[in-house]
Amino acid sequence: MLFTGEPLSAQEALVHRLVSKVVSEDKLEEETMEISHKVCGSSKSVLALGKATVYRQMAQDLATADRMTTQVMVGNLTLGDGQEGIEAFRQKWKPVWSCCQDENK
């Protein structure tokens, strides 16, 4: 699309990994809400760190970006929410993120 100016179909976008899933129009709102609930149920601090990392790596070469994102992912494990996520997975419970502790009481 960038080079030709021709629009892509949803299926072509899926094949080229520009989208992760294609749904029919009648399922679009349901799918969008499902994704938004997953995002809203995630750790805000970990999401913010991930988003900042994506933007920082854009200006880097592949090797540098890979090293930086690896360090960030390992660093996530030391955060309280990182530890909560691991423990919640191990114990099969719903995590209680640091930003939401008062809401979940």
N, C-alpha and C. Protein backbone atom coordinates (compact mmCIF):
# COMPACT_ATOMS: atom_id res chain seq x y z
N MET A 1 0.82 -1.17 0.00
CA MET A 1 0.00 0.00 0.00
C MET A 1 0.87 1.25 0.00
N LEU A 2 1.95 1.21 0.74
CA LEU A 2 2.86 2.34 0.83
C LEU A 2 3.47 2.66 -0.54
N PHE A 3 3.85 1.64 -1.27
CA PHE A 3 4.54 1.86 -2.55
C PHE A 3 3.59 2.05 -3.71
N THR A 4 2.46 1.36 -3.70
CA THR A 4 1.56 1.43 -4.86
C THR A 4 0.39 2.38 -4.66
N GLY A 5 0.05 2.68 -3.43
CA GLY A 5 -1.11 3.51 -3.16
C GLY A 5 -2.42 2.75 -3.27
N GLU A 6 -2.34 1.47 -3.58
CA GLU A 6 -3.53 0.63 -3.70
C GLU A 6 -3.96 0.14 -2.32
N PRO A 7 -5.24 0.26 -2.02
CA PRO A 7 -5.71 -0.25 -0.72
C PRO A 7 -5.62 -1.78 -0.66
N LEU A 8 -5.48 -2.29 0.56
CA LEU A 8 -5.44 -3.73 0.79
C LEU A 8 -6.78 -4.20 1.33
N SER A 9 -7.16 -5.39 0.97
CA SER A 9 -8.35 -5.99 1.57
C SER A 9 -7.98 -6.45 2.99
N ALA A 10 -8.97 -6.74 3.77
CA ALA A 10 -8.73 -7.24 5.12
C ALA A 10 -7.92 -8.53 5.08
N GLN A 11 -8.24 -9.41 4.15
CA GLN A 11 -7.51 -10.68 4.04
C GLN A 11 -6.05 -10.45 3.65
N GLU A 12 -5.80 -9.49 2.75
CA GLU A 12 -4.41 -9.19 2.37
C GLU A 12 -3.65 -8.61 3.56
N ALA A 13 -4.31 -7.75 4.33
CA ALA A 13 -3.68 -7.18 5.52
C ALA A 13 -3.33 -8.28 6.51
N LEU A 14 -4.18 -9.27 6.63
CA LEU A 14 -3.92 -10.40 7.53
C LEU A 14 -2.73 -11.22 7.03
N VAL A 15 -2.70 -11.50 5.76
CA VAL A 15 -1.60 -12.27 5.16
C VAL A 15 -0.26 -11.56 5.38
N HIS A 16 -0.27 -10.24 5.27
CA HIS A 16 0.96 -9.45 5.43
C HIS A 16 1.22 -9.03 6.88
N ARG A 17 0.43 -9.58 7.79
CA ARG A 17 0.58 -9.36 9.24
C ARG A 17 0.46 -7.89 9.65
N LEU A 18 -0.37 -7.16 8.92
CA LEU A 18 -0.67 -5.78 9.30
C LEU A 18 -1.79 -5.73 10.33
N VAL A 19 -2.55 -6.80 10.41
CA VAL A 19 -3.59 -6.97 11.41
C VAL A 19 -3.45 -8.38 11.99
N SER A 20 -3.96 -8.58 13.19
CA SER A 20 -3.82 -9.89 13.81
C SER A 20 -5.04 -10.78 13.61
N LYS A 21 -6.16 -10.16 13.22
CA LYS A 21 -7.38 -10.93 13.08
C LYS A 21 -8.34 -10.16 12.18
N VAL A 22 -9.15 -10.90 11.44
CA VAL A 22 -10.19 -10.30 10.60
C VAL A 22 -11.53 -10.87 11.05
N VAL A 23 -12.48 -9.99 11.30
CA VAL A 23 -13.81 -10.43 11.70
C VAL A 23 -14.84 -9.78 10.80
N SER A 24 -16.02 -10.37 10.74
CA SER A 24 -17.09 -9.80 9.93
C SER A 24 -17.59 -8.51 10.59
N GLU A 25 -18.20 -7.66 9.81
CA GLU A 25 -18.65 -6.37 10.33
C GLU A 25 -19.63 -6.53 11.50
N ASP A 26 -20.46 -7.55 11.45
CA ASP A 26 -21.42 -7.73 12.54
C ASP A 26 -20.74 -8.19 13.84
N LYS A 27 -19.50 -8.65 13.78
CA LYS A 27 -18.75 -9.07 14.97
C LYS A 27 -17.70 -8.03 15.40
N LEU A 28 -17.59 -6.93 14.65
CA LEU A 28 -16.52 -5.97 14.89
C LEU A 28 -16.61 -5.34 16.28
N GLU A 29 -17.76 -4.87 16.67
CA GLU A 29 -17.88 -4.23 17.98
C GLU A 29 -17.60 -5.23 19.10
N GLU A 30 -18.12 -6.44 18.98
CA GLU A 30 -17.88 -7.47 19.99
C GLU A 30 -16.39 -7.76 20.14
N GLU A 31 -15.70 -7.91 19.02
CA GLU A 31 -14.26 -8.19 19.04
C GLU A 31 -13.48 -7.00 19.60
N THR A 32 -13.86 -5.80 19.21
CA THR A 32 -13.20 -4.59 19.69
C THR A 32 -13.35 -4.48 21.21
N MET A 33 -14.55 -4.75 21.70
CA MET A 33 -14.79 -4.68 23.14
C MET A 33 -13.99 -5.75 23.88
N GLU A 34 -13.88 -6.93 23.31
CA GLU A 34 -13.11 -8.00 23.94
C GLU A 34 -11.64 -7.59 24.08
N ILE A 35 -11.09 -7.02 23.02
CA ILE A 35 -9.69 -6.58 23.06
C ILE A 35 -9.53 -5.45 24.07
N SER A 36 -10.45 -4.49 24.07
CA SER A 36 -10.34 -3.35 24.99
C SER A 36 -10.44 -3.81 26.44
N HIS A 37 -11.26 -4.81 26.73
CA HIS A 37 -11.35 -5.34 28.10
C HIS A 37 -10.04 -6.01 28.51
N LYS A 38 -9.39 -6.69 27.57
CA LYS A 38 -8.09 -7.31 27.88
C LYS A 38 -7.07 -6.23 28.21
N VAL A 39 -7.04 -5.17 27.41
CA VAL A 39 -6.10 -4.08 27.65
C VAL A 39 -6.39 -3.42 28.99
N CYS A 40 -7.65 -3.13 29.25
CA CYS A 40 -8.04 -2.47 30.50
C CYS A 40 -7.76 -3.34 31.72
N GLY A 41 -7.72 -4.64 31.54
CA GLY A 41 -7.44 -5.55 32.65
C GLY A 41 -5.97 -5.81 32.86
N SER A 42 -5.13 -5.14 32.08
CA SER A 42 -3.68 -5.33 32.20
C SER A 42 -3.07 -4.29 33.13
N SER A 43 -1.84 -4.53 33.53
CA SER A 43 -1.12 -3.60 34.39
C SER A 43 -0.83 -2.31 33.62
N LYS A 44 -1.27 -1.20 34.17
CA LYS A 44 -1.05 0.09 33.51
C LYS A 44 0.44 0.43 33.45
N SER A 45 1.19 0.11 34.50
CA SER A 45 2.62 0.43 34.51
C SER A 45 3.38 -0.39 33.47
N VAL A 46 3.04 -1.66 33.34
CA VAL A 46 3.71 -2.51 32.35
C VAL A 46 3.32 -2.09 30.93
N LEU A 47 2.05 -1.76 30.72
CA LEU A 47 1.62 -1.28 29.40
C LEU A 47 2.32 0.02 29.03
N ALA A 48 2.43 0.95 29.98
CA ALA A 48 3.09 2.23 29.71
C ALA A 48 4.56 2.02 29.37
N LEU A 49 5.21 1.13 30.11
CA LEU A 49 6.61 0.83 29.84
C LEU A 49 6.77 0.20 28.45
N GLY A 50 5.88 -0.71 28.10
CA GLY A 50 5.93 -1.34 26.79
C GLY A 50 5.73 -0.34 25.67
N LYS A 51 4.76 0.54 25.83
CA LYS A 51 4.49 1.56 24.81
C LYS A 51 5.69 2.50 24.65
N ALA A 52 6.25 2.95 25.76
CA ALA A 52 7.42 3.83 25.70
C ALA A 52 8.59 3.13 25.02
N THR A 53 8.75 1.85 25.29
CA THR A 53 9.84 1.07 24.68
C THR A 53 9.66 0.96 23.18
N VAL A 54 8.44 0.73 22.72
CA VAL A 54 8.18 0.65 21.28
C VAL A 54 8.60 1.95 20.60
N TYR A 55 8.23 3.07 21.19
CA TYR A 55 8.59 4.36 20.59
C TYR A 55 10.09 4.60 20.63
N ARG A 56 10.76 4.21 21.72
CA ARG A 56 12.22 4.39 21.80
C ARG A 56 12.96 3.53 20.79
N GLN A 57 12.48 2.34 20.51
CA GLN A 57 13.22 1.44 19.62
C GLN A 57 13.06 1.81 18.15
N MET A 58 12.08 2.65 17.83
CA MET A 58 11.85 3.01 16.43
C MET A 58 13.07 3.66 15.77
N ALA A 59 13.83 4.41 16.54
CA ALA A 59 14.98 5.12 15.98
C ALA A 59 16.26 4.29 16.07
N GLN A 60 16.15 3.06 16.52
CA GLN A 60 17.34 2.24 16.72
C GLN A 60 17.49 1.18 15.64
N ASP A 61 18.73 0.75 15.45
CA ASP A 61 18.94 -0.37 14.54
C ASP A 61 18.42 -1.64 15.23
N LEU A 62 18.25 -2.69 14.46
CA LEU A 62 17.63 -3.92 14.96
C LEU A 62 18.36 -4.51 16.16
N ALA A 63 19.68 -4.58 16.11
CA ALA A 63 20.45 -5.19 17.20
C ALA A 63 20.29 -4.38 18.49
N THR A 64 20.37 -3.06 18.39
CA THR A 64 20.23 -2.20 19.57
C THR A 64 18.82 -2.30 20.13
N ALA A 65 17.82 -2.26 19.25
CA ALA A 65 16.43 -2.37 19.69
C ALA A 65 16.18 -3.71 20.38
N ASP A 66 16.77 -4.77 19.84
CA ASP A 66 16.60 -6.10 20.44
C ASP A 66 17.21 -6.15 21.83
N ARG A 67 18.41 -5.59 22.00
CA ARG A 67 19.05 -5.57 23.32
C ARG A 67 18.22 -4.76 24.31
N MET A 68 17.74 -3.60 23.86
CA MET A 68 16.98 -2.74 24.76
C MET A 68 15.68 -3.41 25.18
N THR A 69 14.93 -3.99 24.24
CA THR A 69 13.66 -4.61 24.59
C THR A 69 13.86 -5.83 25.48
N THR A 70 14.95 -6.55 25.27
CA THR A 70 15.27 -7.68 26.15
C THR A 70 15.50 -7.18 27.57
N GLN A 71 16.25 -6.09 27.72
CA GLN A 71 16.49 -5.52 29.05
C GLN A 71 15.19 -5.06 29.70
N VAL A 72 14.32 -4.45 28.91
CA VAL A 72 13.05 -3.96 29.44
C VAL A 72 12.18 -5.14 29.89
N MET A 73 12.13 -6.20 29.08
CA MET A 73 11.32 -7.36 29.46
C MET A 73 11.83 -8.00 30.74
N VAL A 74 13.14 -8.11 30.86
CA VAL A 74 13.72 -8.67 32.10
C VAL A 74 13.44 -7.72 33.26
N GLY A 75 13.56 -6.42 33.02
CA GLY A 75 13.25 -5.43 34.05
C GLY A 75 11.81 -5.49 34.52
N ASN A 76 10.90 -5.82 33.60
CA ASN A 76 9.49 -5.96 33.97
C ASN A 76 9.31 -6.98 35.09
N LEU A 77 10.15 -8.00 35.10
CA LEU A 77 10.04 -9.06 36.10
C LEU A 77 10.34 -8.56 37.50
N THR A 78 11.07 -7.45 37.61
CA THR A 78 11.40 -6.91 38.93
C THR A 78 10.33 -5.96 39.45
N LEU A 79 9.43 -5.52 38.59
CA LEU A 79 8.35 -4.63 39.02
C LEU A 79 7.35 -5.41 39.87
N GLY A 80 6.70 -4.71 40.75
CA GLY A 80 5.67 -5.35 41.56
C GLY A 80 4.60 -6.01 40.71
N ASP A 81 4.16 -5.30 39.65
CA ASP A 81 3.15 -5.87 38.77
C ASP A 81 3.69 -7.06 37.99
N GLY A 82 4.96 -7.04 37.66
CA GLY A 82 5.56 -8.19 36.99
C GLY A 82 5.53 -9.42 37.89
N GLN A 83 5.89 -9.22 39.15
CA GLN A 83 5.86 -10.31 40.11
C GLN A 83 4.43 -10.80 40.35
N GLU A 84 3.49 -9.84 40.42
CA GLU A 84 2.08 -10.21 40.61
C GLU A 84 1.58 -11.04 39.43
N GLY A 85 1.96 -10.65 38.22
CA GLY A 85 1.53 -11.39 37.03
C GLY A 85 2.05 -12.82 37.02
N ILE A 86 3.31 -12.97 37.37
CA ILE A 86 3.91 -14.31 37.41
C ILE A 86 3.24 -15.17 38.47
N GLU A 87 3.06 -14.59 39.67
CA GLU A 87 2.45 -15.35 40.76
C GLU A 87 0.99 -15.69 40.45
N ALA A 88 0.27 -14.74 39.85
CA ALA A 88 -1.13 -15.00 39.48
C ALA A 88 -1.20 -16.13 38.45
N PHE A 89 -0.29 -16.13 37.51
CA PHE A 89 -0.25 -17.22 36.53
C PHE A 89 0.03 -18.55 37.21
N ARG A 90 1.02 -18.57 38.07
CA ARG A 90 1.40 -19.81 38.77
C ARG A 90 0.27 -20.34 39.64
N GLN A 91 -0.39 -19.42 40.35
CA GLN A 91 -1.43 -19.82 41.30
C GLN A 91 -2.83 -19.89 40.66
N LYS A 92 -2.89 -19.49 39.39
CA LYS A 92 -4.15 -19.52 38.63
C LYS A 92 -5.21 -18.61 39.26
N TRP A 93 -4.78 -17.40 39.65
CA TRP A 93 -5.73 -16.42 40.13
C TRP A 93 -5.66 -15.18 39.25
N LYS A 94 -6.64 -14.29 39.40
CA LYS A 94 -6.66 -13.06 38.65
C LYS A 94 -5.70 -12.08 39.32
N PRO A 95 -4.76 -11.49 38.56
CA PRO A 95 -3.81 -10.57 39.18
C PRO A 95 -4.50 -9.30 39.69
N VAL A 96 -3.94 -8.74 40.74
CA VAL A 96 -4.39 -7.45 41.27
C VAL A 96 -3.24 -6.47 41.03
N TRP A 97 -3.41 -5.62 40.03
CA TRP A 97 -2.34 -4.70 39.65
C TRP A 97 -2.23 -3.56 40.64
N SER A 98 -1.04 -3.01 40.77
CA SER A 98 -0.78 -1.96 41.77
C SER A 98 -1.69 -0.75 41.59
N CYS A 99 -2.04 -0.42 40.37
CA CYS A 99 -2.90 0.74 40.13
C CYS A 99 -4.33 0.49 40.55
N CYS A 100 -4.69 -0.76 40.78
CA CYS A 100 -6.10 -1.12 40.98
C CYS A 100 -6.36 -1.75 42.34
N GLN A 101 -5.40 -1.73 43.25
CA GLN A 101 -5.57 -2.44 44.52
C GLN A 101 -6.77 -1.94 45.31
N ASP A 102 -7.00 -0.62 45.35
CA ASP A 102 -8.16 -0.10 46.07
C ASP A 102 -9.45 -0.49 45.41
N GLU A 103 -9.48 -0.58 44.07
CA GLU A 103 -10.68 -0.93 43.33
C GLU A 103 -11.10 -2.37 43.57
N ASN A 104 -10.13 -3.25 43.84
CA ASN A 104 -10.40 -4.68 43.96
C ASN A 104 -10.70 -5.13 45.39
N LYS A 105 -10.70 -4.22 46.33
CA LYS A 105 -10.96 -4.61 47.72
C LYS A 105 -12.43 -4.71 47.98
